[in-house]
């Protein structure tokens, strides 16, 4: 699938109902990588808080990048980009979300360049993500 939609790029923020969380819910996520064949996207979630039950160690807490609601008007409160894992999504599924016509879901905005660079650098250094996944989505700090 060729990407010819400017809303599907590294740094794009998407809002969608996701079923991969427990429980399923509406979530924001950021596109952080695209496979060479454009079949899949690597994404990371934006969470309202760092879950203390999952991320007790300081090295795991540091994998969460703060984002301010004052800089991101779509957020209701200050939040965190979870760089502890990459969620893989089919490009076609995300494309369907952003072109569905549903005003509630779809493309929201782009991360700022500085925040995106911080996210990519954090993902690149994360020991919780397999090197093969980083390579697949071209996750390399500048």
Protein backbone atom coordinates (compact mmCIF):
# COMPACT_ATOMS: atom_id res chain seq x y z
CA UNK A 1 0.00 0.00 0.00
CA UNK A 2 1.50 3.29 -1.02
CA UNK A 3 1.08 6.10 1.45
CA UNK A 4 -0.38 9.06 -0.34
CA UNK A 5 -2.16 10.65 2.59
CA UNK A 6 -0.29 13.36 4.48
CA UNK A 7 -2.15 12.38 7.65
CA UNK A 8 -0.27 9.05 7.80
CA UNK A 9 3.31 10.01 8.53
CA UNK A 10 5.78 9.52 11.34
CA UNK A 11 4.61 11.95 14.01
CA UNK A 12 0.90 11.77 13.14
CA UNK A 13 -1.43 11.54 16.13
CA UNK A 14 -4.52 9.37 15.63
CA UNK A 15 -7.57 8.97 17.88
CA UNK A 16 -9.37 5.64 17.65
CA UNK A 17 -11.33 3.07 19.61
CA UNK A 18 -8.78 0.31 20.24
CA UNK A 19 -9.48 -3.25 21.27
CA UNK A 20 -5.88 -4.14 22.19
CA UNK A 21 -6.14 -2.48 25.61
CA UNK A 22 -7.79 -3.99 28.66
CA UNK A 23 -10.50 -2.84 28.69
CA UNK A 24 -10.94 -1.63 25.08
CA UNK A 25 -11.23 2.17 24.92
CA UNK A 26 -10.74 5.37 22.96
CA UNK A 27 -7.00 6.10 22.71
CA UNK A 28 -4.62 8.55 21.15
CA UNK A 29 -1.53 7.07 19.55
CA UNK A 30 1.44 8.39 17.61
CA UNK A 31 2.84 6.89 14.41
CA UNK A 32 6.57 6.35 15.05
CA UNK A 33 7.54 4.19 12.09
CA UNK A 34 6.41 2.78 8.77
CA UNK A 35 7.60 -0.46 7.20
CA UNK A 36 9.42 -0.27 3.86
CA UNK A 37 6.45 -1.87 2.10
CA UNK A 38 4.00 0.51 3.86
CA UNK A 39 1.93 -2.46 5.09
CA UNK A 40 2.35 -1.71 8.79
CA UNK A 41 2.77 1.21 11.15
CA UNK A 42 4.61 1.24 14.46
CA UNK A 43 2.69 3.28 17.03
CA UNK A 44 2.93 4.28 20.69
CA UNK A 45 0.08 5.18 23.02
CA UNK A 46 -0.52 8.48 24.75
CA UNK A 47 -1.67 7.74 28.30
CA UNK A 48 -3.09 10.05 30.95
CA UNK A 49 -0.70 8.63 33.55
CA UNK A 50 2.19 6.23 34.01
CA UNK A 51 0.70 3.03 35.41
CA UNK A 52 2.53 2.47 38.72
CA UNK A 53 1.58 -1.22 38.75
CA UNK A 54 3.29 -1.85 35.40
CA UNK A 55 6.17 0.61 35.59
CA UNK A 56 7.69 0.41 39.08
CA UNK A 57 11.36 0.61 38.11
CA UNK A 58 12.79 4.06 37.44
CA UNK A 59 14.28 2.93 34.11
CA UNK A 60 10.75 2.00 32.94
CA UNK A 61 9.23 5.26 34.18
CA UNK A 62 11.82 7.15 32.10
CA UNK A 63 10.34 5.56 28.96
CA UNK A 64 7.30 7.85 29.30
CA UNK A 65 7.61 11.27 27.66
CA UNK A 66 5.46 14.01 29.23
CA UNK A 67 3.21 16.01 26.89
CA UNK A 68 1.41 19.08 28.15
CA UNK A 69 -2.26 19.73 27.50
CA UNK A 70 -1.39 23.43 27.15
CA UNK A 71 0.77 22.56 24.10
CA UNK A 72 -1.64 19.96 22.73
CA UNK A 73 -5.21 21.29 22.77
CA UNK A 74 -6.71 17.90 21.91
CA UNK A 75 -5.59 16.58 25.33
CA UNK A 76 -7.88 17.10 28.32
CA UNK A 77 -4.94 16.88 30.74
CA UNK A 78 -1.17 16.53 30.80
CA UNK A 79 -0.28 13.05 29.57
CA UNK A 80 2.61 10.70 28.72
CA UNK A 81 3.79 9.04 25.52
CA UNK A 82 4.55 5.42 26.40
CA UNK A 83 7.85 4.49 24.73
CA UNK A 84 8.14 1.13 26.49
CA UNK A 85 6.63 -0.78 23.56
CA UNK A 86 5.62 -0.36 19.96
CA UNK A 87 2.11 -1.35 18.91
CA UNK A 88 1.99 -2.67 15.36
CA UNK A 89 -1.01 -1.74 13.19
CA UNK A 90 -1.97 -2.43 9.62
CA UNK A 91 -1.71 0.73 7.56
CA UNK A 92 -5.02 -0.12 5.89
CA UNK A 93 -6.80 -0.22 9.28
CA UNK A 94 -5.46 3.18 10.30
CA UNK A 95 -6.26 4.58 6.86
CA UNK A 96 -9.84 3.32 7.26
CA UNK A 97 -10.04 5.13 10.61
CA UNK A 98 -8.84 8.47 9.25
CA UNK A 99 -11.07 8.31 6.17
CA UNK A 100 -14.20 6.93 7.86
CA UNK A 101 -15.93 10.29 7.99
CA UNK A 102 -16.63 9.83 11.71
CA UNK A 103 -15.80 13.24 13.23
CA UNK A 104 -14.94 11.63 16.58
CA UNK A 105 -12.07 9.50 15.29
CA UNK A 106 -9.13 9.89 12.95
CA UNK A 107 -6.15 12.17 12.41
CA UNK A 108 -5.77 14.77 15.17
CA UNK A 109 -2.44 16.56 14.75
CA UNK A 110 1.32 16.07 14.44
CA UNK A 111 3.79 15.93 17.27
CA UNK A 112 6.19 18.82 17.38
CA UNK A 113 9.59 18.08 15.85
CA UNK A 114 11.29 18.32 19.26
CA UNK A 115 8.83 15.93 20.92
CA UNK A 116 9.08 13.48 18.03
CA UNK A 117 12.89 13.49 18.25
CA UNK A 118 12.65 12.80 22.00
CA UNK A 119 10.20 9.95 21.39
CA UNK A 120 12.39 8.36 18.70
CA UNK A 121 15.53 8.67 20.86
CA UNK A 122 13.69 7.12 23.82
CA UNK A 123 12.40 4.25 21.67
CA UNK A 124 15.89 3.71 20.25
CA UNK A 125 17.35 3.36 23.75
CA UNK A 126 14.49 1.26 25.18
CA UNK A 127 15.67 -2.19 26.21
CA UNK A 128 12.01 -3.29 26.34
CA UNK A 129 11.71 -3.22 22.53
CA UNK A 130 13.32 -5.96 20.44
CA UNK A 131 16.04 -4.74 18.03
CA UNK A 132 14.21 -6.41 15.12
CA UNK A 133 11.13 -4.25 15.79
CA UNK A 134 13.26 -1.10 15.94
CA UNK A 135 14.88 -2.06 12.63
CA UNK A 136 11.51 -2.87 11.02
CA UNK A 137 10.22 0.65 11.80
CA UNK A 138 13.56 2.44 11.32
CA UNK A 139 13.73 3.64 14.92
CA UNK A 140 17.09 5.42 15.15
CA UNK A 141 17.97 8.52 17.10
CA UNK A 142 19.33 11.35 14.98
